[in-house]
N, C-alpha and C. Protein backbone atom coordinates (compact mmCIF):
# COMPACT_ATOMS: atom_id res chain seq x y z
N MET A 1 6.99 1.43 -2.21
CA MET A 1 7.26 1.37 -3.64
C MET A 1 7.41 2.79 -4.15
N SER A 2 8.33 3.03 -5.04
CA SER A 2 8.61 4.39 -5.46
C SER A 2 8.28 4.65 -6.93
N ASN A 3 7.72 3.68 -7.65
CA ASN A 3 7.38 3.89 -9.05
C ASN A 3 6.04 4.58 -9.17
N ASP A 4 5.98 5.53 -10.11
CA ASP A 4 4.73 6.21 -10.36
C ASP A 4 3.69 5.23 -10.90
N ILE A 5 2.45 5.53 -10.61
CA ILE A 5 1.34 4.78 -11.16
C ILE A 5 1.00 5.41 -12.51
N THR A 6 0.91 4.60 -13.55
CA THR A 6 0.65 5.11 -14.90
C THR A 6 -0.85 5.16 -15.18
N VAL A 7 -1.18 5.84 -16.26
CA VAL A 7 -2.59 5.88 -16.65
C VAL A 7 -3.08 4.48 -16.99
N ASP A 8 -2.21 3.63 -17.53
CA ASP A 8 -2.64 2.25 -17.82
C ASP A 8 -2.87 1.46 -16.53
N ASP A 9 -2.03 1.70 -15.51
CA ASP A 9 -2.27 1.08 -14.20
C ASP A 9 -3.64 1.52 -13.67
N LEU A 10 -3.89 2.83 -13.74
CA LEU A 10 -5.15 3.35 -13.23
C LEU A 10 -6.33 2.82 -14.03
N ARG A 11 -6.21 2.76 -15.35
CA ARG A 11 -7.28 2.24 -16.20
C ARG A 11 -7.62 0.79 -15.80
N ARG A 12 -6.58 -0.02 -15.58
CA ARG A 12 -6.79 -1.42 -15.18
C ARG A 12 -7.51 -1.49 -13.84
N ILE A 13 -7.06 -0.67 -12.90
CA ILE A 13 -7.67 -0.67 -11.57
C ILE A 13 -9.12 -0.20 -11.64
N LEU A 14 -9.37 0.87 -12.39
CA LEU A 14 -10.74 1.37 -12.52
C LEU A 14 -11.64 0.31 -13.14
N ALA A 15 -11.15 -0.36 -14.16
CA ALA A 15 -11.95 -1.41 -14.80
C ALA A 15 -12.26 -2.54 -13.83
N SER A 16 -11.30 -2.91 -13.02
CA SER A 16 -11.52 -4.02 -12.08
C SER A 16 -12.46 -3.63 -10.95
N CYS A 17 -12.49 -2.35 -10.61
CA CYS A 17 -13.31 -1.90 -9.49
C CYS A 17 -14.77 -1.67 -9.87
N ALA A 18 -15.02 -1.41 -11.11
CA ALA A 18 -16.39 -1.14 -11.52
C ALA A 18 -16.97 -2.27 -12.34
N GLY A 19 -16.16 -3.29 -12.62
CA GLY A 19 -16.65 -4.33 -13.51
C GLY A 19 -16.84 -3.73 -14.88
N ALA A 20 -17.90 -4.02 -15.50
CA ALA A 20 -18.21 -3.39 -16.78
C ALA A 20 -18.66 -1.96 -16.51
N THR A 21 -18.14 -1.02 -17.28
CA THR A 21 -18.54 0.37 -17.06
C THR A 21 -20.00 0.50 -17.44
N GLU A 22 -20.73 1.21 -16.61
CA GLU A 22 -22.16 1.35 -16.84
C GLU A 22 -22.49 2.54 -17.72
N GLY A 23 -21.89 3.67 -17.43
CA GLY A 23 -22.24 4.86 -18.20
C GLY A 23 -21.12 5.37 -19.06
N GLY A 24 -19.93 5.01 -18.73
CA GLY A 24 -18.81 5.56 -19.47
C GLY A 24 -17.93 4.47 -20.02
N SER A 25 -16.92 4.90 -20.71
CA SER A 25 -15.97 3.97 -21.29
C SER A 25 -14.58 4.33 -20.80
N LEU A 26 -13.76 3.33 -20.62
CA LEU A 26 -12.39 3.59 -20.20
C LEU A 26 -11.44 3.58 -21.39
N ASP A 27 -11.99 3.54 -22.61
CA ASP A 27 -11.17 3.60 -23.81
C ASP A 27 -10.80 5.06 -24.10
N GLY A 28 -9.68 5.23 -24.77
CA GLY A 28 -9.29 6.58 -25.17
C GLY A 28 -8.74 7.39 -24.02
N ASP A 29 -8.81 8.69 -24.19
CA ASP A 29 -8.25 9.60 -23.19
C ASP A 29 -9.28 9.83 -22.09
N ILE A 30 -9.01 9.25 -20.94
CA ILE A 30 -9.96 9.36 -19.83
C ILE A 30 -9.52 10.36 -18.78
N LEU A 31 -8.30 10.88 -18.92
CA LEU A 31 -7.70 11.65 -17.83
C LEU A 31 -8.54 12.82 -17.36
N ASP A 32 -9.21 13.51 -18.29
CA ASP A 32 -9.95 14.70 -17.88
C ASP A 32 -11.46 14.50 -17.88
N LYS A 33 -11.90 13.26 -18.05
CA LYS A 33 -13.33 12.98 -17.92
C LYS A 33 -13.67 12.90 -16.43
N SER A 34 -14.86 13.34 -16.09
CA SER A 34 -15.23 13.27 -14.68
C SER A 34 -15.55 11.82 -14.31
N PHE A 35 -15.33 11.50 -13.04
CA PHE A 35 -15.69 10.16 -12.59
C PHE A 35 -17.19 9.93 -12.75
N ASP A 36 -17.98 10.96 -12.60
CA ASP A 36 -19.43 10.82 -12.83
C ASP A 36 -19.70 10.40 -14.26
N ASP A 37 -19.03 11.05 -15.23
CA ASP A 37 -19.23 10.70 -16.64
C ASP A 37 -18.75 9.29 -16.94
N LEU A 38 -17.74 8.83 -16.21
CA LEU A 38 -17.22 7.48 -16.41
C LEU A 38 -18.07 6.44 -15.70
N GLY A 39 -19.04 6.88 -14.91
CA GLY A 39 -19.93 5.96 -14.23
C GLY A 39 -19.44 5.49 -12.87
N TYR A 40 -18.55 6.26 -12.26
CA TYR A 40 -18.00 5.86 -10.97
C TYR A 40 -18.68 6.60 -9.84
N ASP A 41 -19.23 5.84 -8.91
CA ASP A 41 -19.84 6.43 -7.74
C ASP A 41 -18.88 6.31 -6.55
N SER A 42 -19.33 6.74 -5.39
CA SER A 42 -18.44 6.75 -4.22
C SER A 42 -17.97 5.35 -3.84
N LEU A 43 -18.83 4.35 -4.01
CA LEU A 43 -18.43 2.98 -3.69
C LEU A 43 -17.31 2.51 -4.62
N ALA A 44 -17.43 2.79 -5.91
CA ALA A 44 -16.38 2.41 -6.87
C ALA A 44 -15.09 3.15 -6.56
N MET A 45 -15.19 4.40 -6.12
CA MET A 45 -13.98 5.16 -5.77
C MET A 45 -13.32 4.58 -4.53
N MET A 46 -14.12 4.16 -3.56
CA MET A 46 -13.54 3.54 -2.35
C MET A 46 -12.84 2.23 -2.71
N GLU A 47 -13.42 1.46 -3.61
CA GLU A 47 -12.80 0.22 -4.06
C GLU A 47 -11.51 0.53 -4.81
N THR A 48 -11.53 1.55 -5.64
CA THR A 48 -10.32 1.97 -6.37
C THR A 48 -9.21 2.33 -5.38
N ALA A 49 -9.54 3.10 -4.37
CA ALA A 49 -8.55 3.48 -3.36
C ALA A 49 -8.02 2.26 -2.63
N SER A 50 -8.90 1.30 -2.38
CA SER A 50 -8.49 0.07 -1.69
C SER A 50 -7.50 -0.73 -2.54
N VAL A 51 -7.76 -0.84 -3.83
CA VAL A 51 -6.85 -1.58 -4.72
C VAL A 51 -5.51 -0.84 -4.83
N ILE A 52 -5.54 0.47 -4.94
CA ILE A 52 -4.29 1.24 -5.00
C ILE A 52 -3.49 1.02 -3.72
N SER A 53 -4.15 1.00 -2.59
CA SER A 53 -3.47 0.75 -1.32
C SER A 53 -2.84 -0.64 -1.29
N ARG A 54 -3.61 -1.63 -1.72
CA ARG A 54 -3.12 -3.01 -1.72
C ARG A 54 -1.94 -3.20 -2.69
N GLU A 55 -2.06 -2.66 -3.89
CA GLU A 55 -1.05 -2.90 -4.92
C GLU A 55 0.17 -2.00 -4.80
N PHE A 56 -0.03 -0.78 -4.34
CA PHE A 56 1.07 0.19 -4.35
C PHE A 56 1.45 0.69 -2.97
N GLY A 57 0.70 0.29 -1.95
CA GLY A 57 1.04 0.70 -0.59
C GLY A 57 0.77 2.17 -0.31
N ILE A 58 -0.13 2.77 -1.09
CA ILE A 58 -0.46 4.19 -0.93
C ILE A 58 -1.87 4.31 -0.37
N VAL A 59 -1.99 5.00 0.75
CA VAL A 59 -3.29 5.21 1.37
C VAL A 59 -3.79 6.60 1.00
N ILE A 60 -4.96 6.65 0.37
CA ILE A 60 -5.57 7.92 0.00
C ILE A 60 -6.57 8.29 1.09
N PRO A 61 -6.36 9.42 1.76
CA PRO A 61 -7.31 9.83 2.80
C PRO A 61 -8.71 10.02 2.20
N ASP A 62 -9.73 9.56 2.93
CA ASP A 62 -11.11 9.63 2.44
C ASP A 62 -11.51 11.05 2.04
N ASP A 63 -11.12 12.04 2.84
CA ASP A 63 -11.55 13.41 2.51
C ASP A 63 -10.92 13.89 1.22
N GLU A 64 -9.74 13.41 0.88
CA GLU A 64 -9.12 13.79 -0.39
C GLU A 64 -9.70 12.97 -1.54
N LEU A 65 -10.00 11.70 -1.29
CA LEU A 65 -10.54 10.83 -2.33
C LEU A 65 -11.84 11.41 -2.91
N PHE A 66 -12.72 11.84 -2.04
CA PHE A 66 -14.03 12.29 -2.52
C PHE A 66 -14.01 13.69 -3.10
N ASP A 67 -12.88 14.39 -3.00
CA ASP A 67 -12.74 15.69 -3.67
C ASP A 67 -12.23 15.53 -5.09
N LEU A 68 -11.74 14.35 -5.45
CA LEU A 68 -11.16 14.13 -6.77
C LEU A 68 -12.27 14.01 -7.81
N GLU A 69 -12.13 14.75 -8.90
CA GLU A 69 -13.17 14.74 -9.92
C GLU A 69 -12.79 14.00 -11.18
N THR A 70 -11.48 13.82 -11.43
CA THR A 70 -11.04 13.20 -12.68
C THR A 70 -9.92 12.18 -12.40
N PRO A 71 -9.71 11.26 -13.33
CA PRO A 71 -8.57 10.35 -13.20
C PRO A 71 -7.24 11.10 -13.14
N ARG A 72 -7.11 12.23 -13.85
CA ARG A 72 -5.87 12.99 -13.77
C ARG A 72 -5.61 13.47 -12.33
N ALA A 73 -6.65 13.97 -11.69
CA ALA A 73 -6.50 14.43 -10.31
C ALA A 73 -6.12 13.27 -9.40
N LEU A 74 -6.70 12.11 -9.63
CA LEU A 74 -6.36 10.93 -8.83
C LEU A 74 -4.91 10.53 -9.05
N LEU A 75 -4.47 10.50 -10.31
CA LEU A 75 -3.07 10.14 -10.60
C LEU A 75 -2.11 11.13 -9.97
N GLU A 76 -2.41 12.43 -10.07
CA GLU A 76 -1.52 13.44 -9.49
C GLU A 76 -1.42 13.28 -7.98
N LEU A 77 -2.55 13.03 -7.33
CA LEU A 77 -2.52 12.83 -5.88
C LEU A 77 -1.73 11.58 -5.52
N VAL A 78 -2.04 10.47 -6.18
CA VAL A 78 -1.39 9.20 -5.85
C VAL A 78 0.11 9.27 -6.13
N ASN A 79 0.48 9.81 -7.28
CA ASN A 79 1.92 9.88 -7.60
C ASN A 79 2.65 10.85 -6.68
N GLY A 80 1.97 11.89 -6.24
CA GLY A 80 2.57 12.76 -5.23
C GLY A 80 2.81 12.02 -3.93
N LEU A 81 1.84 11.18 -3.55
CA LEU A 81 2.00 10.39 -2.33
C LEU A 81 3.10 9.33 -2.50
N VAL A 82 3.21 8.76 -3.72
CA VAL A 82 4.28 7.78 -4.00
C VAL A 82 5.64 8.44 -3.82
N ARG A 83 5.79 9.65 -4.37
CA ARG A 83 7.09 10.34 -4.28
C ARG A 83 7.40 10.72 -2.83
N THR A 84 6.39 11.12 -2.09
CA THR A 84 6.59 11.48 -0.69
C THR A 84 7.01 10.26 0.13
N ALA A 85 6.38 9.11 -0.18
CA ALA A 85 6.68 7.88 0.56
C ALA A 85 8.02 7.28 0.16
N GLY A 86 8.43 7.54 -1.11
CA GLY A 86 9.63 6.88 -1.62
C GLY A 86 10.87 7.53 -1.18
């Protein structure tokens, strides 16, 4: 698939992977909030990567996934991988 993943796509995926947000909110501008502030731990990030792989066919290497600190960094990585694959 060659379409970029949007912030709304990512927001939907993040919400589905964490259920109800425990510490943070996915409302408003989330791009530069840390995953820690949004309440996402390593398990939620692994689930997020799994959903992105299933829905968009993009595999995020584990070592890169755990270096990502914000949704913006995740979107930039994933969309870069989308463009490379497309």
